[in-house]
PDB file of N, CA and C in Angstrom:
ATOM      1  N   MET A   1      -9.992  -9.815   6.530  1.00  0.00           N
ATOM      2  CA  MET A   1      -9.342  -8.914   5.743  1.00  0.00           C
ATOM      3  C   MET A   1      -9.943  -7.413   6.047  1.00  0.00           C
ATOM      4  N   ARG A   2      -9.180  -6.245   6.172  1.00  0.00           N
ATOM      5  CA  ARG A   2      -9.803  -4.982   6.380  1.00  0.00           C
ATOM      6  C   ARG A   2      -9.653  -4.126   5.185  1.00  0.00           C
ATOM      7  N   LEU A   3     -10.587  -3.258   4.977  1.00  0.00           N
ATOM      8  CA  LEU A   3     -10.559  -2.392   3.798  1.00  0.00           C
ATOM      9  C   LEU A   3     -10.627  -0.896   4.491  1.00  0.00           C
ATOM     10  N   LYS A   4     -10.028   0.068   3.881  1.00  0.00           N
ATOM     11  CA  LYS A   4     -10.083   1.414   4.355  1.00  0.00           C
ATOM     12  C   LYS A   4     -11.293   2.051   3.457  1.00  0.00           C
ATOM     13  N   LEU A   5     -12.367   2.218   3.964  1.00  0.00           N
ATOM     14  CA  LEU A   5     -13.467   2.942   3.107  1.00  0.00           C
ATOM     15  C   LEU A   5     -13.825   4.267   3.702  1.00  0.00           C
ATOM     16  N   ARG A   6     -13.738   5.286   2.909  1.00  0.00           N
ATOM     17  CA  ARG A   6     -14.062   6.784   3.400  1.00  0.00           C
ATOM     18  C   ARG A   6     -13.428   7.143   4.764  1.00  0.00           C
ATOM     19  N   GLY A   7     -12.061   6.689   4.704  1.00  0.00           N
ATOM     20  CA  GLY A   7     -11.237   6.958   5.856  1.00  0.00           C
ATOM     21  C   GLY A   7     -11.430   6.060   7.155  1.00  0.00           C
ATOM     22  N   TYR A   8     -12.139   4.939   7.093  1.00  0.00           N
ATOM     23  CA  TYR A   8     -12.504   4.024   8.101  1.00  0.00           C
ATOM     24  C   TYR A   8     -12.104   2.777   7.856  1.00  0.00           C
ATOM     25  N   TRP A   9     -11.404   2.023   8.794  1.00  0.00           N
ATOM     26  CA  TRP A   9     -10.947   0.754   8.613  1.00  0.00           C
ATOM     27  C   TRP A   9     -12.302  -0.146   8.861  1.00  0.00           C
ATOM     28  N   VAL A  10     -12.735  -1.204   7.986  1.00  0.00           N
ATOM     29  CA  VAL A  10     -13.790  -2.014   8.282  1.00  0.00           C
ATOM     30  C   VAL A  10     -13.617  -3.304   7.964  1.00  0.00           C
ATOM     31  N   GLU A  11     -13.919  -4.091   8.727  1.00  0.00           N
ATOM     32  CA  GLU A  11     -13.789  -5.614   8.342  1.00  0.00           C
ATOM     33  C   GLU A  11     -14.540  -6.029   7.137  1.00  0.00           C
ATOM     34  N   LEU A  12     -14.091  -6.907   6.301  1.00  0.00           N
ATOM     35  CA  LEU A  12     -14.743  -7.201   5.183  1.00  0.00           C
ATOM     36  C   LEU A  12     -15.996  -7.888   5.391  1.00  0.00           C
ATOM     37  N   SER A  13     -16.300  -8.727   6.538  1.00  0.00           N
ATOM     38  CA  SER A  13     -17.610  -9.219   6.818  1.00  0.00           C
ATOM     39  C   SER A  13     -18.751  -8.216   6.920  1.00  0.00           C
ATOM     40  N   THR A  14     -18.435  -7.093   7.384  1.00  0.00           N
ATOM     41  CA  THR A  14     -19.244  -6.005   7.677  1.00  0.00           C
ATOM     42  C   THR A  14     -20.141  -5.629   6.436  1.00  0.00           C
ATOM     43  N   PHE A  15     -19.428  -5.798   5.170  1.00  0.00           N
ATOM     44  CA  PHE A  15     -19.908  -5.225   3.945  1.00  0.00           C
ATOM     45  C   PHE A  15     -20.162  -6.569   2.925  1.00  0.00           C
ATOM     46  N   ARG A  16     -20.402  -7.578   3.361  1.00  0.00           N
ATOM     47  CA  ARG A  16     -20.682  -8.775   2.398  1.00  0.00           C
ATOM     48  C   ARG A  16     -21.915  -8.417   1.530  1.00  0.00           C
ATOM     49  N   HIS A  17     -22.837  -7.949   1.932  1.00  0.00           N
ATOM     50  CA  HIS A  17     -23.895  -7.560   0.940  1.00  0.00           C
ATOM     51  C   HIS A  17     -23.567  -6.366   0.170  1.00  0.00           C
ATOM     52  N   PHE A  18     -22.627  -5.777   0.068  1.00  0.00           N
ATOM     53  CA  PHE A  18     -22.232  -4.771  -0.907  1.00  0.00           C
ATOM     54  C   PHE A  18     -21.042  -5.275  -1.657  1.00  0.00           C
ATOM     55  N   ASP A  19     -21.570  -6.148  -2.532  1.00  0.00           N
ATOM     56  CA  ASP A  19     -20.720  -6.948  -3.616  1.00  0.00           C
ATOM     57  C   ASP A  19     -20.003  -5.894  -4.416  1.00  0.00           C
ATOM     58  N   ILE A  20     -20.656  -4.965  -5.034  1.00  0.00           N
ATOM     59  CA  ILE A  20     -20.170  -4.122  -5.944  1.00  0.00           C
ATOM     60  C   ILE A  20     -19.014  -3.417  -5.291  1.00  0.00           C
ATOM     61  N   ILE A  21     -19.177  -2.650  -4.320  1.00  0.00           N
ATOM     62  CA  ILE A  21     -18.123  -1.960  -3.408  1.00  0.00           C
ATOM     63  C   ILE A  21     -16.910  -2.911  -3.124  1.00  0.00           C
ATOM     64  N   LEU A  22     -17.134  -4.098  -2.555  1.00  0.00           N
ATOM     65  CA  LEU A  22     -16.037  -4.939  -2.259  1.00  0.00           C
ATOM     66  C   LEU A  22     -15.237  -5.481  -3.498  1.00  0.00           C
ATOM     67  N   ASN A  23     -16.197  -5.591  -4.543  1.00  0.00           N
ATOM     68  CA  ASN A  23     -15.269  -6.127  -5.706  1.00  0.00           C
ATOM     69  C   ASN A  23     -14.538  -5.045  -6.354  1.00  0.00           C
ATOM     70  N   GLU A  24     -14.865  -3.752  -6.252  1.00  0.00           N
ATOM     71  CA  GLU A  24     -14.075  -2.746  -6.706  1.00  0.00           C
ATOM     72  C   GLU A  24     -12.731  -2.655  -5.780  1.00  0.00           C
ATOM     73  N   HIS A  25     -12.842  -2.967  -4.581  1.00  0.00           N
ATOM     74  CA  HIS A  25     -11.689  -2.647  -3.725  1.00  0.00           C
ATOM     75  C   HIS A  25     -10.649  -3.868  -3.839  1.00  0.00           C
ATOM     76  N   VAL A  26     -11.328  -4.945  -3.815  1.00  0.00           N
ATOM     77  CA  VAL A  26     -10.631  -6.269  -3.942  1.00  0.00           C
ATOM     78  C   VAL A  26     -10.084  -6.505  -5.357  1.00  0.00           C
ATOM     79  N   MET A  27     -10.736  -6.273  -6.223  1.00  0.00           N
ATOM     80  CA  MET A  27     -10.191  -6.379  -7.668  1.00  0.00           C
ATOM     81  C   MET A  27      -9.040  -5.466  -7.917  1.00  0.00           C
ATOM     82  N   SER A  28      -9.129  -4.090  -7.410  1.00  0.00           N
ATOM     83  CA  SER A  28      -8.023  -3.123  -7.763  1.00  0.00           C
ATOM     84  C   SER A  28      -6.858  -3.571  -6.864  1.00  0.00           C
ATOM     85  N   ASN A  29      -6.983  -4.035  -5.625  1.00  0.00           N
ATOM     86  CA  ASN A  29      -5.801  -4.259  -4.965  1.00  0.00           C
ATOM     87  C   ASN A  29      -5.168  -3.232  -4.434  1.00  0.00           C
ATOM     88  N   LYS A  30      -5.767  -1.904  -4.715  1.00  0.00           N
ATOM     89  CA  LYS A  30      -4.836  -0.638  -4.512  1.00  0.00           C
ATOM     90  C   LYS A  30      -4.899  -0.433  -2.824  1.00  0.00           C
ATOM     91  N   ASP A  31      -5.987  -0.907  -2.153  1.00  0.00           N
ATOM     92  CA  ASP A  31      -6.206  -0.661  -0.672  1.00  0.00           C
ATOM     93  C   ASP A  31      -5.740  -1.738   0.086  1.00  0.00           C
ATOM     94  N   GLU A  32      -4.819  -2.639  -0.615  1.00  0.00           N
ATOM     95  CA  GLU A  32      -4.295  -3.629   0.260  1.00  0.00           C
ATOM     96  C   GLU A  32      -3.153  -3.094   1.068  1.00  0.00           C
ATOM     97  N   ILE A  33      -3.152  -3.551   2.361  1.00  0.00           N
ATOM     98  CA  ILE A  33      -2.261  -2.954   3.270  1.00  0.00           C
ATOM     99  C   ILE A  33      -0.748  -3.507   3.121  1.00  0.00           C
ATOM    100  N   ILE A  34       0.159  -2.832   2.754  1.00  0.00           N
ATOM    101  CA  ILE A  34       1.532  -3.189   2.548  1.00  0.00           C
ATOM    102  C   ILE A  34       2.311  -3.264   3.935  1.00  0.00           C
ATOM    103  N   CYS A  35       2.285  -2.308   4.617  1.00  0.00           N
ATOM    104  CA  CYS A  35       2.843  -2.035   5.974  1.00  0.00           C
ATOM    105  C   CYS A  35       1.827  -2.211   7.104  1.00  0.00           C
ATOM    106  N   THR A  36       1.706  -3.421   7.674  1.00  0.00           N
ATOM    107  CA  THR A  36       0.946  -3.623   8.671  1.00  0.00           C
ATOM    108  C   THR A  36       1.114  -2.887   9.986  1.00  0.00           C
ATOM    109  N   CYS A  37       2.462  -2.454  10.145  1.00  0.00           N
ATOM    110  CA  CYS A  37       2.794  -1.660  11.508  1.00  0.00           C
ATOM    111  C   CYS A  37       2.265  -0.302  11.405  1.00  0.00           C
ATOM    112  N   ASN A  38       2.078   0.228  10.314  1.00  0.00           N
ATOM    113  CA  ASN A  38       1.911   1.730  10.124  1.00  0.00           C
ATOM    114  C   ASN A  38       0.517   1.929   9.443  1.00  0.00           C
ATOM    115  N   GLU A  39      -0.113   0.640   8.875  1.00  0.00           N
ATOM    116  CA  GLU A  39      -1.278   0.680   8.066  1.00  0.00           C
ATOM    117  C   GLU A  39      -1.198   1.418   6.789  1.00  0.00           C
ATOM    118  N   ILE A  40      -0.193   1.276   5.960  1.00  0.00           N
ATOM    119  CA  ILE A  40       0.204   1.943   4.776  1.00  0.00           C
ATOM    120  C   ILE A  40      -0.211   0.975   3.574  1.00  0.00           C
ATOM    121  N   THR A  41      -1.073   1.746   2.777  1.00  0.00           N
ATOM    122  CA  THR A  41      -1.495   0.885   1.541  1.00  0.00           C
ATOM    123  C   THR A  41      -0.741   0.996   0.404  1.00  0.00           C
ATOM    124  N   ARG A  42      -1.135   0.081  -0.539  1.00  0.00           N
ATOM    125  CA  ARG A  42      -0.383  -0.061  -1.644  1.00  0.00           C
ATOM    126  C   ARG A  42      -0.574   1.309  -2.514  1.00  0.00           C
ATOM    127  N   ARG A  43      -1.766   1.799  -2.575  1.00  0.00           N
ATOM    128  CA  ARG A  43      -1.957   3.182  -3.130  1.00  0.00           C
ATOM    129  C   ARG A  43      -1.287   4.128  -2.510  1.00  0.00           C
ATOM    130  N   GLU A  44      -1.113   4.432  -1.253  1.00  0.00           N
ATOM    131  CA  GLU A  44      -0.244   5.335  -0.648  1.00  0.00           C
ATOM    132  C   GLU A  44       1.256   5.238  -1.253  1.00  0.00           C
ATOM    133  N   ILE A  45       1.526   4.057  -1.085  1.00  0.00           N
ATOM    134  CA  ILE A  45       3.125   3.791  -1.542  1.00  0.00           C
ATOM    135  C   ILE A  45       3.218   4.220  -3.095  1.00  0.00           C
ATOM    136  N   GLU A  46       2.271   3.685  -3.793  1.00  0.00           N
ATOM    137  CA  GLU A  46       2.450   4.064  -5.366  1.00  0.00           C
ATOM    138  C   GLU A  46       2.259   5.606  -5.577  1.00  0.00           C
ATOM    139  N   ASP A  47       1.252   5.984  -5.022  1.00  0.00           N
ATOM    140  CA  ASP A  47       1.077   7.562  -5.220  1.00  0.00           C
ATOM    141  C   ASP A  47       2.397   8.407  -4.802  1.00  0.00           C
ATOM    142  N   ALA A  48       2.898   8.094  -3.620  1.00  0.00           N
ATOM    143  CA  ALA A  48       4.249   8.673  -3.172  1.00  0.00           C
ATOM    144  C   ALA A  48       5.311   8.519  -4.189  1.00  0.00           C
ATOM    145  N   ILE A  49       5.515   7.176  -4.667  1.00  0.00           N
ATOM    146  CA  ILE A  49       6.571   6.785  -5.710  1.00  0.00           C
ATOM    147  C   ILE A  49       6.371   7.837  -6.833  1.00  0.00           C
ATOM    148  N   ARG A  50       5.228   7.946  -7.303  1.00  0.00           N
ATOM    149  CA  ARG A  50       5.037   8.633  -8.600  1.00  0.00           C
ATOM    150  C   ARG A  50       5.114  10.057  -8.358  1.00  0.00           C
ATOM    151  N   SER A  51       4.609  10.579  -7.163  1.00  0.00           N
ATOM    152  CA  SER A  51       4.373  12.019  -7.171  1.00  0.00           C
ATOM    153  C   SER A  51       5.611  12.658  -6.896  1.00  0.00           C
ATOM    154  N   LYS A  52       6.460  11.906  -6.000  1.00  0.00           N
ATOM    155  CA  LYS A  52       7.780  12.365  -5.412  1.00  0.00           C
ATOM    156  C   LYS A  52       8.907  11.864  -6.201  1.00  0.00           C
ATOM    157  N   LYS A  53       8.639  11.045  -7.156  1.00  0.00           N
ATOM    158  CA  LYS A  53       9.620  10.373  -7.893  1.00  0.00           C
ATOM    159  C   LYS A  53      10.634   9.673  -7.079  1.00  0.00           C
ATOM    160  N   LEU A  54      10.123   8.946  -6.101  1.00  0.00           N
ATOM    161  CA  LEU A  54      11.032   8.128  -5.149  1.00  0.00           C
ATOM    162  C   LEU A  54      11.723   6.826  -5.976  1.00  0.00           C
ATOM    163  N   GLN A  55      12.864   6.688  -5.629  1.00  0.00           N
ATOM    164  CA  GLN A  55      14.065   5.772  -6.155  1.00  0.00           C
ATOM    165  C   GLN A  55      14.241   4.633  -5.123  1.00  0.00           C
ATOM    166  N   THR A  56      14.141   4.783  -3.892  1.00  0.00           N
ATOM    167  CA  THR A  56      14.815   4.005  -2.936  1.00  0.00           C
ATOM    168  C   THR A  56      13.584   3.487  -1.917  1.00  0.00           C
ATOM    169  N   ILE A  57      13.985   2.586  -1.302  1.00  0.00           N
ATOM    170  CA  ILE A  57      13.209   2.008  -0.171  1.00  0.00           C
ATOM    171  C   ILE A  57      13.086   3.026   0.958  1.00  0.00           C
ATOM    172  N   GLU A  58      14.431   3.291   1.183  1.00  0.00           N
ATOM    173  CA  GLU A  58      14.428   4.400   2.262  1.00  0.00           C
ATOM    174  C   GLU A  58      13.837   5.638   2.032  1.00  0.00           C
ATOM    175  N   ALA A  59      13.693   6.187   0.913  1.00  0.00           N
ATOM    176  CA  ALA A  59      13.030   7.254   0.496  1.00  0.00           C
ATOM    177  C   ALA A  59      11.407   7.186   0.712  1.00  0.00           C
ATOM    178  N   VAL A  60      10.800   5.831   0.181  1.00  0.00           N
ATOM    179  CA  VAL A  60       9.495   5.467   0.380  1.00  0.00           C
ATOM    180  C   VAL A  60       9.247   5.490   2.020  1.00  0.00           C
ATOM    181  N   GLY A  61      10.277   4.968   2.735  1.00  0.00           N
ATOM    182  CA  GLY A  61       9.854   5.067   4.101  1.00  0.00           C
ATOM    183  C   GLY A  61       9.988   6.372   4.717  1.00  0.00           C
ATOM    184  N   ASN A  62      10.754   7.473   4.135  1.00  0.00           N
ATOM    185  CA  ASN A  62      10.842   8.695   4.743  1.00  0.00           C
ATOM    186  C   ASN A  62       9.551   9.365   4.371  1.00  0.00           C
ATOM    187  N   GLU A  63       8.900   9.023   3.264  1.00  0.00           N
ATOM    188  CA  GLU A  63       7.581   9.716   2.695  1.00  0.00           C
ATOM    189  C   GLU A  63       6.478   9.296   3.389  1.00  0.00           C
ATOM    190  N   THR A  64       6.441   7.886   3.513  1.00  0.00           N
ATOM    191  CA  THR A  64       4.949   7.256   3.937  1.00  0.00           C
ATOM    192  C   THR A  64       5.251   6.543   5.310  1.00  0.00           C
ATOM    193  N   THR A  65       6.340   6.402   5.891  1.00  0.00           N
ATOM    194  CA  THR A  65       6.628   5.536   7.090  1.00  0.00           C
ATOM    195  C   THR A  65       6.640   4.084   6.986  1.00  0.00           C
ATOM    196  N   ALA A  66       6.169   3.658   5.638  1.00  0.00           N
ATOM    197  CA  ALA A  66       6.213   2.167   5.209  1.00  0.00           C
ATOM    198  C   ALA A  66       7.512   1.607   5.516  1.00  0.00           C
ATOM    199  N   GLY A  67       7.735   0.537   6.084  1.00  0.00           N
ATOM    200  CA  GLY A  67       9.043  -0.168   6.302  1.00  0.00           C
ATOM    201  C   GLY A  67       9.962   0.314   7.288  1.00  0.00           C
ATOM    202  N   THR A  68       9.528   1.154   8.085  1.00  0.00           N
ATOM    203  CA  THR A  68      10.313   1.763   9.093  1.00  0.00           C
ATOM    204  C   THR A  68      10.144   1.253  10.645  1.00  0.00           C
ATOM    205  N   VAL A  69       9.256   0.301  10.644  1.00  0.00           N
ATOM    206  CA  VAL A  69       9.097  -0.280  12.076  1.00  0.00           C
ATOM    207  C   VAL A  69       9.794  -1.709  12.108  1.00  0.00           C
ATOM    208  N   CYS A  70       9.247  -2.675  11.637  1.00  0.00           N
ATOM    209  CA  CYS A  70       9.655  -3.989  11.678  1.00  0.00           C
ATOM    210  C   CYS A  70      10.480  -4.380  10.407  1.00  0.00           C
ATOM    211  N   GLY A  71      10.296  -3.851   9.382  1.00  0.00           N
ATOM    212  CA  GLY A  71      10.780  -4.147   8.215  1.00  0.00           C
ATOM    213  C   GLY A  71      10.257  -5.264   7.194  1.00  0.00           C
ATOM    214  N   ALA A  72       9.144  -5.976   7.813  1.00  0.00           N
ATOM    215  CA  ALA A  72       8.644  -6.929   7.101  1.00  0.00           C
ATOM    216  C   ALA A  72       8.163  -6.849   5.717  1.00  0.00           C
ATOM    217  N   CYS A  73       7.847  -5.456   5.477  1.00  0.00           N
ATOM    218  CA  CYS A  73       7.259  -5.132   4.110  1.00  0.00           C
ATOM    219  C   CYS A  73       8.138  -4.630   3.245  1.00  0.00           C
ATOM    220  N   VAL A  74       9.525  -4.555   3.394  1.00  0.00           N
ATOM    221  CA  VAL A  74      10.625  -4.020   2.749  1.00  0.00           C
ATOM    222  C   VAL A  74      10.680  -4.714   1.218  1.00  0.00           C
ATOM    223  N   ASP A  75      10.476  -6.005   1.418  1.00  0.00           N
ATOM    224  CA  ASP A  75      10.357  -6.744   0.108  1.00  0.00           C
ATOM    225  C   ASP A  75       9.325  -6.490  -1.063  1.00  0.00           C
ATOM    226  N   GLU A  76       8.215  -6.245  -0.357  1.00  0.00           N
ATOM    227  CA  GLU A  76       7.022  -5.810  -1.101  1.00  0.00           C
ATOM    228  C   GLU A  76       7.258  -4.215  -1.584  1.00  0.00           C
ATOM    229  N   ILE A  77       7.849  -3.677  -0.712  1.00  0.00           N
ATOM    230  CA  ILE A  77       8.075  -2.149  -1.125  1.00  0.00           C
ATOM    231  C   ILE A  77       9.140  -2.104  -2.312  1.00  0.00           C
ATOM    232  N   TYR A  78       9.996  -2.820  -2.187  1.00  0.00           N
ATOM    233  CA  TYR A  78      11.034  -3.009  -3.430  1.00  0.00           C
ATOM    234  C   TYR A  78      10.328  -3.369  -4.883  1.00  0.00           C
ATOM    235  N   LEU A  79       9.422  -4.494  -4.537  1.00  0.00           N
ATOM    236  CA  LEU A  79       8.685  -4.979  -5.717  1.00  0.00           C
ATOM    237  C   LEU A  79       7.904  -3.700  -6.340  1.00  0.00           C
ATOM    238  N   ILE A  80       7.225  -3.173  -5.507  1.00  0.00           N
ATOM    239  CA  ILE A  80       6.446  -1.990  -5.982  1.00  0.00           C
ATOM    240  C   ILE A  80       7.302  -0.885  -6.710  1.00  0.00           C
ATOM    241  N   LEU A  81       8.538  -0.585  -6.085  1.00  0.00           N
ATOM    242  CA  LEU A  81       9.347   0.478  -6.818  1.00  0.00           C
ATOM    243  C   LEU A  81       9.921  -0.192  -8.186  1.00  0.00           C
ATOM    244  N   GLU A  82       9.997  -1.476  -8.088  1.00  0.00           N
ATOM    245  CA  GLU A  82      10.603  -2.121  -9.458  1.00  0.00           C
ATOM    246  C   GLU A  82       9.619  -1.925 -10.480  1.00  0.00           C
ATOM    247  N   GLU A  83       8.300  -2.358 -10.060  1.00  0.00           N
ATOM    248  CA  GLU A  83       7.207  -2.333 -10.958  1.00  0.00           C
ATOM    249  C   GLU A  83       6.891  -0.873 -11.669  1.00  0.00           C
ATOM    250  N   ILE A  84       7.013   0.131 -10.730  1.00  0.00           N
ATOM    251  CA  ILE A  84       6.771   1.544 -11.267  1.00  0.00           C
ATOM    252  C   ILE A  84       7.969   2.104 -12.059  1.00  0.00           C
ATOM    253  N   ASN A  85       9.143   1.904 -11.435  1.00  0.00           N
ATOM    254  CA  ASN A  85      10.312   2.459 -11.970  1.00  0.00           C
ATOM    255  C   ASN A  85      11.189   1.662 -12.797  1.00  0.00           C
ATOM    256  N   GLY A  86      11.078   0.492 -12.839  1.00  0.00           N
ATOM    257  CA  GLY A  86      11.549  -0.551 -13.656  1.00  0.00           C
ATOM    258  C   GLY A  86      13.081  -0.857 -13.106  1.00  0.00           C
ATOM    259  N   LYS A  87      13.478  -0.127 -12.036  1.00  0.00           N
ATOM    260  CA  LYS A  87      14.511  -0.565 -11.282  1.00  0.00           C
ATOM    261  C   LYS A  87      14.534   0.089  -9.988  1.00  0.00           C
ATOM    262  N   VAL A  88      15.393  -0.480  -9.112  1.00  0.00           N
ATOM    263  CA  VAL A  88      15.453   0.112  -7.828  1.00  0.00           C
ATOM    264  C   VAL A  88      16.868   0.635  -7.434  1.00  0.00           C
ATOM    265  N   SER A  89      16.994   1.778  -6.844  1.00  0.00           N
ATOM    266  CA  SER A  89      18.310   2.108  -6.449  1.00  0.00           C
ATOM    267  C   SER A  89      18.331   1.823  -5.009  1.00  0.00           C
ATOM    268  N   LEU A  90      19.690   1.209  -4.578  1.00  0.00           N
ATOM    269  CA  LEU A  90      19.831   0.722  -3.275  1.00  0.00           C
ATOM    270  C   LEU A  90      20.559   1.567  -2.487  1.00  0.00           C
TER     271      LEU A  90
END
C-alpha cells in the first residue's frame, strides 16, 4: 500500500513505526488511490466534485483526469459522485 505524505509517495512499510500518522491516513481513507493510472486520490476527486459542483463522471475526468485512461475506476467515481450528490447525471 502506498500513501502520499507531504507530496511524496511512500510505501506503507517505510512508516510502520509511525502508527499515529498511518492510522490517521488509513482511517480517513481520503488518500486512497482511486485512479491508479493517474494516481488520483479519493480526496482529490471529492474536493473537485464539491468545489466545482461536478455532476458527471466525464466532468470528474475533465477536472482531475481520473477515469480517463483505462476506465477501471469509473465505477468508484460513480459511487463517490452518488455519495456526495445523492444522484449521478449520466
